[in-house]
């Protein structure tokens, strides 16, 4: 099953008990901030989730698939994602994450808000990184 942005908004609105319109604004703003930062060459690190960064692919020799004629593929920038350790473990174990019940611990909303208040945006002199 493929999940799209609309599905994410609906799921977050239900989990956080918020209006879908408000959640949509938050999601759009977050995605725009990430895209703008990546366009500037910055790196985004989401603790325990993964890292988004821009990598440069060097020029290479290729072929036109229709004619078989040799062609040079120019250098270009691409966005790469490297999953974090917990993400890799969850995927390897096939465990779906569900919101914890009050008897099992804090809700996802509480965990998210405490995680966001703990982690802050940081930069390093060599490569600028935004962490969450």
Protein backbone atom coordinates (compact mmCIF):
# COMPACT_ATOMS: atom_id res chain seq x y z
CA UNK A 1 0.00 0.00 0.00
CA UNK A 2 1.28 3.43 -0.90
CA UNK A 3 0.75 6.29 1.53
CA UNK A 4 0.47 9.80 0.13
CA UNK A 5 0.51 13.26 1.68
CA UNK A 6 -3.26 13.29 2.12
CA UNK A 7 -3.11 10.00 4.04
CA UNK A 8 -0.37 11.44 6.26
CA UNK A 9 -2.48 14.53 7.00
CA UNK A 10 -5.52 12.42 7.91
CA UNK A 11 -3.48 10.11 10.15
CA UNK A 12 -1.75 13.02 11.93
CA UNK A 13 -5.04 14.89 12.40
CA UNK A 14 -6.61 11.83 14.01
CA UNK A 15 -3.57 11.06 16.18
CA UNK A 16 -3.11 14.65 17.35
CA UNK A 17 -6.84 15.45 17.53
CA UNK A 18 -6.43 18.48 15.23
CA UNK A 19 -8.29 19.87 12.23
CA UNK A 20 -7.07 18.46 8.89
CA UNK A 21 -6.68 21.99 7.49
CA UNK A 22 -4.32 22.96 10.31
CA UNK A 23 -2.32 19.74 9.92
CA UNK A 24 -2.13 20.32 6.14
CA UNK A 25 -0.57 23.76 6.73
CA UNK A 26 1.98 22.26 9.11
CA UNK A 27 2.88 19.43 6.72
CA UNK A 28 3.14 21.79 3.72
CA UNK A 29 5.31 24.21 5.71
CA UNK A 30 7.57 21.41 6.94
CA UNK A 31 7.99 19.93 3.46
CA UNK A 32 8.74 23.38 2.01
CA UNK A 33 11.35 24.08 4.71
CA UNK A 34 13.04 20.74 4.05
CA UNK A 35 13.01 21.25 0.26
CA UNK A 36 14.32 24.82 0.55
CA UNK A 37 17.15 23.72 2.84
CA UNK A 38 18.09 20.84 0.57
CA UNK A 39 18.11 23.24 -2.41
CA UNK A 40 20.64 25.34 -0.46
CA UNK A 41 22.82 22.25 -0.01
CA UNK A 42 21.96 21.68 3.65
CA UNK A 43 21.48 18.24 5.16
CA UNK A 44 18.42 17.22 7.25
CA UNK A 45 18.82 14.68 10.01
CA UNK A 46 15.75 13.30 11.73
CA UNK A 47 17.01 11.50 14.83
CA UNK A 48 16.20 7.74 14.68
CA UNK A 49 14.39 8.16 11.34
CA UNK A 50 17.05 9.01 8.77
CA UNK A 51 19.02 11.62 6.86
CA UNK A 52 18.13 13.55 3.71
CA UNK A 53 21.07 15.08 1.86
CA UNK A 54 22.00 16.35 -1.59
CA UNK A 55 24.62 14.35 -3.46
CA UNK A 56 26.28 15.17 -6.76
CA UNK A 57 26.34 12.51 -9.44
CA UNK A 58 29.37 12.86 -11.68
CA UNK A 59 29.01 13.02 -15.46
CA UNK A 60 29.09 9.61 -17.11
CA UNK A 61 28.84 7.90 -20.45
CA UNK A 62 25.46 6.49 -21.34
CA UNK A 63 23.46 5.33 -24.33
CA UNK A 64 20.27 6.50 -25.95
CA UNK A 65 17.92 3.54 -25.39
CA UNK A 66 16.13 4.08 -28.72
CA UNK A 67 19.10 4.47 -31.02
CA UNK A 68 21.90 2.88 -29.01
CA UNK A 69 23.98 5.99 -29.73
CA UNK A 70 26.56 6.93 -27.09
CA UNK A 71 25.70 10.02 -25.08
CA UNK A 72 27.19 11.90 -22.15
CA UNK A 73 24.96 12.20 -19.10
CA UNK A 74 25.80 15.52 -17.39
CA UNK A 75 26.61 15.98 -13.72
CA UNK A 76 23.53 16.52 -11.56
CA UNK A 77 22.40 16.84 -7.98
CA UNK A 78 20.05 14.30 -6.41
CA UNK A 79 18.40 13.96 -3.01
CA UNK A 80 19.46 10.85 -1.13
CA UNK A 81 17.84 9.32 1.94
CA UNK A 82 19.72 7.10 4.38
CA UNK A 83 17.49 5.44 6.99
CA UNK A 84 18.45 5.63 10.66
CA UNK A 85 19.18 2.62 12.83
CA UNK A 86 15.70 2.39 14.37
CA UNK A 87 14.08 2.73 10.94
CA UNK A 88 16.24 -0.09 9.55
CA UNK A 89 15.40 -2.27 12.57
CA UNK A 90 11.66 -1.66 12.21
CA UNK A 91 11.73 -2.48 8.52
CA UNK A 92 13.86 -5.60 9.07
CA UNK A 93 11.56 -6.83 11.84
CA UNK A 94 8.44 -5.98 9.83
CA UNK A 95 6.92 -4.33 12.89
CA UNK A 96 4.34 -1.65 12.20
CA UNK A 97 4.39 1.24 14.68
CA UNK A 98 1.12 1.96 16.41
CA UNK A 99 0.26 4.61 18.95
CA UNK A 100 0.87 3.38 22.47
CA UNK A 101 -2.08 3.15 24.80
CA UNK A 102 -1.94 5.17 28.03
CA UNK A 103 -1.15 1.99 29.97
CA UNK A 104 1.84 1.26 27.72
CA UNK A 105 3.43 4.70 27.79
CA UNK A 106 3.12 8.13 26.20
CA UNK A 107 1.11 8.73 23.05
CA UNK A 108 2.84 9.44 19.73
CA UNK A 109 1.87 13.10 20.06
CA UNK A 110 3.50 13.33 23.48
CA UNK A 111 6.59 11.48 22.31
CA UNK A 112 6.83 13.72 19.24
CA UNK A 113 6.47 16.95 21.18
CA UNK A 114 9.02 15.87 23.80
CA UNK A 115 11.40 14.79 21.04
CA UNK A 116 11.03 18.13 19.26
CA UNK A 117 11.62 20.10 22.45
CA UNK A 118 14.75 18.03 23.26
CA UNK A 119 16.39 18.18 19.85
CA UNK A 120 17.18 21.52 18.32
CA UNK A 121 18.54 22.77 15.03
CA UNK A 122 22.32 22.61 14.95
CA UNK A 123 25.00 23.41 12.46
CA UNK A 124 28.55 22.25 11.95
CA UNK A 125 31.29 24.25 10.28
CA UNK A 126 32.01 21.59 7.66
CA UNK A 127 28.47 20.81 6.56
CA UNK A 128 25.29 22.47 7.71
CA UNK A 129 22.86 19.97 9.21
CA UNK A 130 19.34 20.47 10.47
CA UNK A 131 18.35 17.95 13.11
CA UNK A 132 14.97 16.98 14.45
